[in-house]
Amino acid sequence: SLPRPAELLPYIRGDKPAPADFPEKLAAATEDVFAKQLDAGIDFVNDGELGRRDYVTAARNRMSGFESQKAATGAADLEEMKEYSDKFEGRKGLLTLTRKTEVKNAACSGPIAYTDEGLADLQAEIDRVSASAKAK
């Protein structure tokens, strides 16, 4: 992922409901991130997952078949380094960074398929990224 604009983070993460003009703000931010990459000399640009909380959540929300949950794998090397791993207490990701933080990840529970809503969301993302690329 690339850094996201701070003003959009609460909406991208789902901490706050997105305002009515969120699609326009997201499109403008996408154009901006493309421009920064082009200015830096990057030929093959991407939006850096700008409109998603993260890849796994986006995929899970777009598809059926992940209704179960499984405890995340622990980072064994961090468990041995308590002084360092304590800094990650409460932080959640694909791994459990300390035994003090329980993390549950989506697990396959049946056939995997895009939902109608998931396909519509994916198409909206494709349309936003394509339009932003054409604008630059």
N, C-alpha and C. Protein backbone atom coordinates (compact mmCIF):
# COMPACT_ATOMS: atom_id res chain seq x y z
N SER A 1 0.83 -1.19 0.00
CA SER A 1 0.00 0.00 0.00
C SER A 1 0.87 1.25 0.00
N LEU A 2 0.37 2.28 -0.61
CA LEU A 2 1.02 3.59 -0.56
C LEU A 2 0.36 4.41 0.55
N PRO A 3 1.06 5.43 1.06
CA PRO A 3 0.43 6.29 2.08
C PRO A 3 -0.86 6.91 1.53
N ARG A 4 -1.85 6.98 2.38
CA ARG A 4 -3.14 7.53 1.99
C ARG A 4 -3.31 8.92 2.60
N PRO A 5 -4.07 9.78 1.95
CA PRO A 5 -4.31 11.11 2.52
C PRO A 5 -4.99 10.99 3.90
N ALA A 6 -4.44 11.69 4.87
CA ALA A 6 -4.94 11.60 6.24
C ALA A 6 -6.43 11.92 6.34
N GLU A 7 -6.90 12.88 5.54
CA GLU A 7 -8.31 13.27 5.63
C GLU A 7 -9.27 12.18 5.12
N LEU A 8 -8.74 11.22 4.35
CA LEU A 8 -9.60 10.14 3.83
C LEU A 8 -9.52 8.87 4.69
N LEU A 9 -8.51 8.76 5.52
CA LEU A 9 -8.30 7.54 6.30
C LEU A 9 -9.51 7.09 7.12
N PRO A 10 -10.20 7.98 7.84
CA PRO A 10 -11.34 7.50 8.64
C PRO A 10 -12.43 6.85 7.79
N TYR A 11 -12.58 7.30 6.55
CA TYR A 11 -13.61 6.74 5.67
C TYR A 11 -13.13 5.44 5.03
N ILE A 12 -11.86 5.41 4.65
CA ILE A 12 -11.29 4.20 4.04
C ILE A 12 -11.28 3.07 5.05
N ARG A 13 -10.92 3.37 6.28
CA ARG A 13 -10.86 2.34 7.33
C ARG A 13 -12.23 1.95 7.86
N GLY A 14 -13.25 2.74 7.55
CA GLY A 14 -14.59 2.46 8.03
C GLY A 14 -14.85 2.99 9.42
N ASP A 15 -13.97 3.87 9.91
CA ASP A 15 -14.17 4.45 11.24
C ASP A 15 -15.31 5.47 11.25
N LYS A 16 -15.55 6.10 10.11
CA LYS A 16 -16.63 7.08 9.95
C LYS A 16 -17.37 6.79 8.66
N PRO A 17 -18.66 7.10 8.62
CA PRO A 17 -19.39 6.94 7.35
C PRO A 17 -18.84 7.92 6.31
N ALA A 18 -18.71 7.44 5.09
CA ALA A 18 -18.17 8.29 4.02
C ALA A 18 -19.16 9.40 3.68
N PRO A 19 -18.66 10.61 3.46
CA PRO A 19 -19.55 11.72 3.07
C PRO A 19 -20.04 11.51 1.64
N ALA A 20 -21.05 12.26 1.27
CA ALA A 20 -21.65 12.13 -0.06
C ALA A 20 -20.64 12.36 -1.18
N ASP A 21 -19.66 13.25 -0.93
CA ASP A 21 -18.68 13.55 -1.98
C ASP A 21 -17.43 12.68 -1.89
N PHE A 22 -17.49 11.57 -1.15
CA PHE A 22 -16.33 10.70 -1.02
C PHE A 22 -15.84 10.16 -2.36
N PRO A 23 -16.71 9.71 -3.26
CA PRO A 23 -16.20 9.23 -4.55
C PRO A 23 -15.38 10.28 -5.30
N GLU A 24 -15.80 11.53 -5.24
CA GLU A 24 -15.05 12.60 -5.91
C GLU A 24 -13.71 12.84 -5.21
N LYS A 25 -13.72 12.82 -3.88
CA LYS A 25 -12.47 13.00 -3.14
C LYS A 25 -11.50 11.85 -3.41
N LEU A 26 -12.02 10.65 -3.48
CA LEU A 26 -11.19 9.48 -3.75
C LEU A 26 -10.62 9.54 -5.17
N ALA A 27 -11.43 9.97 -6.13
CA ALA A 27 -10.96 10.11 -7.51
C ALA A 27 -9.84 11.15 -7.59
N ALA A 28 -10.02 12.27 -6.91
CA ALA A 28 -8.99 13.32 -6.90
C ALA A 28 -7.71 12.82 -6.25
N ALA A 29 -7.83 12.08 -5.16
CA ALA A 29 -6.66 11.53 -4.48
C ALA A 29 -5.96 10.50 -5.37
N THR A 30 -6.73 9.74 -6.14
CA THR A 30 -6.14 8.76 -7.05
C THR A 30 -5.35 9.46 -8.14
N GLU A 31 -5.91 10.51 -8.70
CA GLU A 31 -5.19 11.29 -9.71
C GLU A 31 -3.91 11.87 -9.12
N ASP A 32 -3.99 12.33 -7.88
CA ASP A 32 -2.82 12.91 -7.22
C ASP A 32 -1.72 11.87 -7.02
N VAL A 33 -2.08 10.68 -6.57
CA VAL A 33 -1.07 9.64 -6.34
C VAL A 33 -0.46 9.19 -7.67
N PHE A 34 -1.24 9.18 -8.73
CA PHE A 34 -0.68 8.86 -10.05
C PHE A 34 0.29 9.95 -10.49
N ALA A 35 -0.07 11.20 -10.28
CA ALA A 35 0.79 12.32 -10.68
C ALA A 35 2.12 12.27 -9.94
N LYS A 36 2.07 11.97 -8.64
CA LYS A 36 3.31 11.89 -7.85
C LYS A 36 4.22 10.78 -8.37
N GLN A 37 3.64 9.66 -8.74
CA GLN A 37 4.44 8.56 -9.26
C GLN A 37 5.04 8.92 -10.62
N LEU A 38 4.25 9.53 -11.48
CA LEU A 38 4.76 9.94 -12.80
C LEU A 38 5.86 10.98 -12.65
N ASP A 39 5.67 11.94 -11.74
CA ASP A 39 6.68 12.96 -11.49
C ASP A 39 7.99 12.34 -10.99
N ALA A 40 7.89 11.23 -10.30
CA ALA A 40 9.07 10.54 -9.77
C ALA A 40 9.72 9.64 -10.83
N GLY A 41 9.12 9.58 -12.02
CA GLY A 41 9.69 8.78 -13.10
C GLY A 41 9.21 7.34 -13.15
N ILE A 42 8.15 7.05 -12.43
CA ILE A 42 7.60 5.69 -12.44
C ILE A 42 6.71 5.54 -13.67
N ASP A 43 6.97 4.52 -14.47
CA ASP A 43 6.21 4.31 -15.70
C ASP A 43 4.93 3.52 -15.48
N PHE A 44 4.95 2.58 -14.56
CA PHE A 44 3.79 1.73 -14.31
C PHE A 44 3.24 2.09 -12.93
N VAL A 45 2.23 2.94 -12.93
CA VAL A 45 1.68 3.47 -11.69
C VAL A 45 0.55 2.59 -11.16
N ASN A 46 0.25 2.76 -9.89
CA ASN A 46 -0.90 2.08 -9.28
C ASN A 46 -1.47 2.99 -8.21
N ASP A 47 -2.65 2.66 -7.76
CA ASP A 47 -3.30 3.53 -6.76
C ASP A 47 -2.91 3.16 -5.34
N GLY A 48 -2.07 2.16 -5.16
CA GLY A 48 -1.58 1.82 -3.83
C GLY A 48 -2.67 1.39 -2.87
N GLU A 49 -3.73 0.78 -3.40
CA GLU A 49 -4.88 0.36 -2.58
C GLU A 49 -5.57 1.55 -1.92
N LEU A 50 -5.53 2.67 -2.58
CA LEU A 50 -6.04 3.91 -2.00
C LEU A 50 -7.48 3.79 -1.48
N GLY A 51 -8.34 3.15 -2.20
CA GLY A 51 -9.74 3.09 -1.80
C GLY A 51 -10.11 1.92 -0.93
N ARG A 52 -9.12 1.10 -0.55
CA ARG A 52 -9.42 -0.09 0.25
C ARG A 52 -8.79 0.03 1.63
N ARG A 53 -9.45 -0.56 2.59
CA ARG A 53 -8.84 -0.67 3.92
C ARG A 53 -7.57 -1.50 3.79
N ASP A 54 -7.69 -2.67 3.15
CA ASP A 54 -6.57 -3.54 2.84
C ASP A 54 -7.05 -4.58 1.84
N TYR A 55 -6.14 -5.28 1.25
CA TYR A 55 -6.48 -6.24 0.20
C TYR A 55 -7.36 -7.37 0.73
N VAL A 56 -7.01 -7.93 1.87
CA VAL A 56 -7.74 -9.07 2.40
C VAL A 56 -9.18 -8.70 2.72
N THR A 57 -9.39 -7.58 3.38
CA THR A 57 -10.75 -7.14 3.72
C THR A 57 -11.55 -6.88 2.45
N ALA A 58 -10.94 -6.23 1.46
CA ALA A 58 -11.64 -5.96 0.21
C ALA A 58 -12.06 -7.26 -0.47
N ALA A 59 -11.14 -8.21 -0.54
CA ALA A 59 -11.46 -9.50 -1.18
C ALA A 59 -12.57 -10.22 -0.42
N ARG A 60 -12.44 -10.26 0.91
CA ARG A 60 -13.45 -10.95 1.72
C ARG A 60 -14.82 -10.29 1.59
N ASN A 61 -14.87 -8.98 1.51
CA ASN A 61 -16.15 -8.28 1.38
C ASN A 61 -16.77 -8.45 0.00
N ARG A 62 -15.97 -8.79 -0.99
CA ARG A 62 -16.47 -8.94 -2.36
C ARG A 62 -16.86 -10.37 -2.71
N MET A 63 -16.50 -11.31 -1.86
CA MET A 63 -16.74 -12.72 -2.18
C MET A 63 -17.45 -13.45 -1.06
N SER A 64 -18.15 -14.47 -1.44
CA SER A 64 -18.74 -15.37 -0.46
C SER A 64 -17.77 -16.53 -0.26
N GLY A 65 -17.97 -17.27 0.81
CA GLY A 65 -17.13 -18.43 1.08
C GLY A 65 -16.10 -18.20 2.18
N PHE A 66 -16.15 -17.02 2.81
CA PHE A 66 -15.20 -16.72 3.88
C PHE A 66 -15.94 -16.33 5.16
N GLU A 67 -16.97 -17.08 5.49
CA GLU A 67 -17.79 -16.73 6.64
C GLU A 67 -17.21 -17.24 7.96
N SER A 68 -16.21 -18.11 7.92
CA SER A 68 -15.58 -18.63 9.13
C SER A 68 -14.42 -17.74 9.54
N GLN A 69 -13.95 -17.96 10.76
CA GLN A 69 -12.77 -17.24 11.24
C GLN A 69 -11.81 -18.24 11.87
N LYS A 70 -10.54 -17.92 11.79
CA LYS A 70 -9.49 -18.76 12.36
C LYS A 70 -8.49 -17.86 13.07
N ALA A 71 -7.95 -18.33 14.16
CA ALA A 71 -6.94 -17.55 14.89
C ALA A 71 -5.71 -17.36 14.00
N ALA A 72 -5.19 -16.15 14.02
CA ALA A 72 -4.01 -15.83 13.21
C ALA A 72 -2.78 -16.54 13.75
N THR A 73 -1.85 -16.77 12.86
CA THR A 73 -0.57 -17.38 13.21
C THR A 73 0.26 -16.37 14.00
N GLY A 74 0.94 -16.84 14.98
CA GLY A 74 1.79 -15.97 15.77
C GLY A 74 3.15 -15.76 15.12
N ALA A 75 3.77 -14.67 15.44
CA ALA A 75 5.12 -14.37 14.96
C ALA A 75 6.09 -14.88 16.01
N ALA A 76 6.57 -16.12 15.83
CA ALA A 76 7.37 -16.80 16.85
C ALA A 76 8.62 -16.01 17.22
N ASP A 77 9.24 -15.38 16.24
CA ASP A 77 10.46 -14.64 16.56
C ASP A 77 10.18 -13.46 17.48
N LEU A 78 9.00 -12.86 17.34
CA LEU A 78 8.66 -11.74 18.21
C LEU A 78 8.30 -12.21 19.62
N GLU A 79 7.77 -13.42 19.73
CA GLU A 79 7.41 -13.93 21.04
C GLU A 79 8.65 -14.08 21.93
N GLU A 80 9.79 -14.34 21.31
CA GLU A 80 11.03 -14.49 22.06
C GLU A 80 11.62 -13.14 22.46
N MET A 81 11.24 -12.08 21.76
CA MET A 81 11.81 -10.75 21.98
C MET A 81 10.75 -9.87 22.64
N LYS A 82 10.46 -10.12 23.90
CA LYS A 82 9.37 -9.44 24.61
C LYS A 82 9.51 -7.92 24.61
N GLU A 83 10.71 -7.43 24.78
CA GLU A 83 10.91 -5.98 24.84
C GLU A 83 10.47 -5.33 23.52
N TYR A 84 10.77 -5.99 22.43
CA TYR A 84 10.39 -5.47 21.11
C TYR A 84 8.91 -5.74 20.82
N SER A 85 8.45 -6.97 21.06
CA SER A 85 7.08 -7.33 20.71
C SER A 85 6.04 -6.57 21.53
N ASP A 86 6.39 -6.16 22.75
CA ASP A 86 5.45 -5.40 23.56
C ASP A 86 5.06 -4.08 22.89
N LYS A 87 5.91 -3.57 22.02
CA LYS A 87 5.61 -2.34 21.29
C LYS A 87 4.44 -2.52 20.34
N PHE A 88 4.14 -3.77 19.96
CA PHE A 88 3.08 -4.06 19.00
C PHE A 88 1.78 -4.49 19.68
N GLU A 89 1.73 -4.44 20.99
CA GLU A 89 0.55 -4.89 21.72
C GLU A 89 -0.68 -4.14 21.22
N GLY A 90 -1.73 -4.87 20.91
CA GLY A 90 -2.97 -4.28 20.45
C GLY A 90 -3.04 -4.07 18.95
N ARG A 91 -1.91 -4.16 18.27
CA ARG A 91 -1.89 -3.96 16.81
C ARG A 91 -2.33 -5.24 16.13
N LYS A 92 -3.21 -5.11 15.16
CA LYS A 92 -3.74 -6.29 14.47
C LYS A 92 -3.40 -6.24 12.99
N GLY A 93 -3.11 -7.38 12.45
CA GLY A 93 -2.82 -7.52 11.04
C GLY A 93 -3.04 -8.96 10.65
N LEU A 94 -2.32 -9.43 9.63
CA LEU A 94 -2.47 -10.82 9.21
C LEU A 94 -1.82 -11.77 10.20
N LEU A 95 -0.89 -11.26 10.99
CA LEU A 95 -0.23 -12.05 12.02
C LEU A 95 -0.60 -11.52 13.39
N THR A 96 -0.57 -12.40 14.37
CA THR A 96 -0.67 -11.96 15.75
C THR A 96 0.75 -11.59 16.15
N LEU A 97 0.98 -10.34 16.45
CA LEU A 97 2.33 -9.91 16.73
C LEU A 97 2.74 -10.16 18.17
N THR A 98 1.78 -10.35 19.04
CA THR A 98 2.08 -10.76 20.42
C THR A 98 0.96 -11.68 20.87
N ARG A 99 1.25 -12.51 21.85
CA ARG A 99 0.22 -13.41 22.38
C ARG A 99 -0.88 -12.63 23.10
N LYS A 100 -0.59 -11.39 23.47
CA LYS A 100 -1.56 -10.58 24.18
C LYS A 100 -2.68 -10.07 23.26
N THR A 101 -2.44 -10.12 21.97
CA THR A 101 -3.41 -9.60 21.01
C THR A 101 -3.97 -10.75 20.19
N GLU A 102 -5.25 -11.05 20.40
CA GLU A 102 -5.88 -12.12 19.62
C GLU A 102 -6.37 -11.54 18.30
N VAL A 103 -6.01 -12.20 17.21
CA VAL A 103 -6.42 -11.77 15.88
C VAL A 103 -7.15 -12.93 15.22
N LYS A 104 -8.32 -12.64 14.71
CA LYS A 104 -9.09 -13.63 13.96
C LYS A 104 -9.12 -13.19 12.50
N ASN A 105 -8.76 -14.10 11.61
CA ASN A 105 -8.79 -13.82 10.18
C ASN A 105 -9.88 -14.64 9.52
N ALA A 106 -10.37 -14.13 8.41
CA ALA A 106 -11.36 -14.87 7.64
C ALA A 106 -10.77 -16.20 7.19
N ALA A 107 -11.62 -17.22 7.19
CA ALA A 107 -11.20 -18.54 6.74
C ALA A 107 -12.25 -19.08 5.78
N CYS A 108 -11.81 -19.87 4.85
CA CYS A 108 -12.72 -20.43 3.85
C CYS A 108 -13.73 -21.35 4.52
N SER A 109 -15.00 -21.14 4.17
CA SER A 109 -16.07 -21.94 4.77
C SER A 109 -16.95 -22.60 3.71
N GLY A 110 -16.65 -22.38 2.44
CA GLY A 110 -17.46 -22.96 1.38
C GLY A 110 -16.96 -22.49 0.02
N PRO A 111 -17.74 -22.74 -1.01
CA PRO A 111 -17.33 -22.31 -2.35
C PRO A 111 -17.10 -20.80 -2.40
N ILE A 112 -16.07 -20.40 -3.12
CA ILE A 112 -15.72 -18.99 -3.23
C ILE A 112 -16.28 -18.43 -4.54
N ALA A 113 -17.01 -17.33 -4.42
CA ALA A 113 -17.58 -16.69 -5.61
C ALA A 113 -17.79 -15.21 -5.31
N TYR A 114 -17.70 -14.39 -6.36
CA TYR A 114 -18.03 -12.97 -6.18
C TYR A 114 -19.52 -12.83 -5.90
N THR A 115 -19.85 -11.92 -5.01
CA THR A 115 -21.25 -11.57 -4.80
C THR A 115 -21.61 -10.49 -5.82
N ASP A 116 -22.89 -10.27 -6.03
CA ASP A 116 -23.30 -9.20 -6.94
C ASP A 116 -22.80 -7.85 -6.46
N GLU A 117 -22.90 -7.62 -5.14
CA GLU A 117 -22.41 -6.37 -4.57
C GLU A 117 -20.89 -6.27 -4.70
N GLY A 118 -20.22 -7.39 -4.53
CA GLY A 118 -18.77 -7.41 -4.65
C GLY A 118 -18.31 -7.09 -6.06
N LEU A 119 -19.01 -7.64 -7.04
CA LEU A 119 -18.66 -7.32 -8.44
C LEU A 119 -18.90 -5.85 -8.74
N ALA A 120 -19.99 -5.30 -8.21
CA ALA A 120 -20.28 -3.88 -8.43
C ALA A 120 -19.20 -3.01 -7.79
N ASP A 121 -18.75 -3.39 -6.59
CA ASP A 121 -17.70 -2.64 -5.90
C ASP A 121 -16.38 -2.75 -6.66
N LEU A 122 -16.06 -3.93 -7.15
CA LEU A 122 -14.85 -4.13 -7.94
C LEU A 122 -14.89 -3.29 -9.21
N GLN A 123 -16.03 -3.29 -9.88
CA GLN A 123 -16.15 -2.50 -11.11
C GLN A 123 -16.01 -1.01 -10.83
N ALA A 124 -16.56 -0.56 -9.72
CA ALA A 124 -16.41 0.86 -9.35
C ALA A 124 -14.94 1.20 -9.12
N GLU A 125 -14.20 0.29 -8.49
CA GLU A 125 -12.76 0.52 -8.27
C GLU A 125 -12.02 0.56 -9.61
N ILE A 126 -12.33 -0.38 -10.49
CA ILE A 126 -11.69 -0.41 -11.81
C ILE A 126 -12.00 0.88 -12.57
N ASP A 127 -13.25 1.32 -12.53
CA ASP A 127 -13.66 2.53 -13.23
C ASP A 127 -12.92 3.75 -12.68
N ARG A 128 -12.79 3.85 -11.35
CA ARG A 128 -12.09 4.98 -10.72
C ARG A 128 -10.61 5.00 -11.13
N VAL A 129 -9.97 3.86 -11.05
CA VAL A 129 -8.55 3.80 -11.38
C VAL A 129 -8.33 4.07 -12.86
N SER A 130 -9.18 3.52 -13.71
CA SER A 130 -9.06 3.74 -15.16
C SER A 130 -9.27 5.21 -15.51
N ALA A 131 -10.30 5.83 -14.93
CA ALA A 131 -10.57 7.24 -15.21
C ALA A 131 -9.41 8.12 -14.73
N SER A 132 -8.85 7.80 -13.58
CA SER A 132 -7.73 8.57 -13.06
C SER A 132 -6.49 8.42 -13.94
N ALA A 133 -6.28 7.22 -14.44
CA ALA A 133 -5.13 7.00 -15.33
C ALA A 133 -5.30 7.78 -16.63
N LYS A 134 -6.50 7.80 -17.15
CA LYS A 134 -6.77 8.55 -18.39
C LYS A 134 -6.63 10.05 -18.18
N ALA A 135 -6.95 10.52 -16.96
CA ALA A 135 -6.86 11.94 -16.66
C ALA A 135 -5.40 12.40 -16.59
N LYS A 136 -4.50 11.49 -16.33
CA LYS A 136 -3.08 11.83 -16.21
C LYS A 136 -2.38 11.46 -17.49
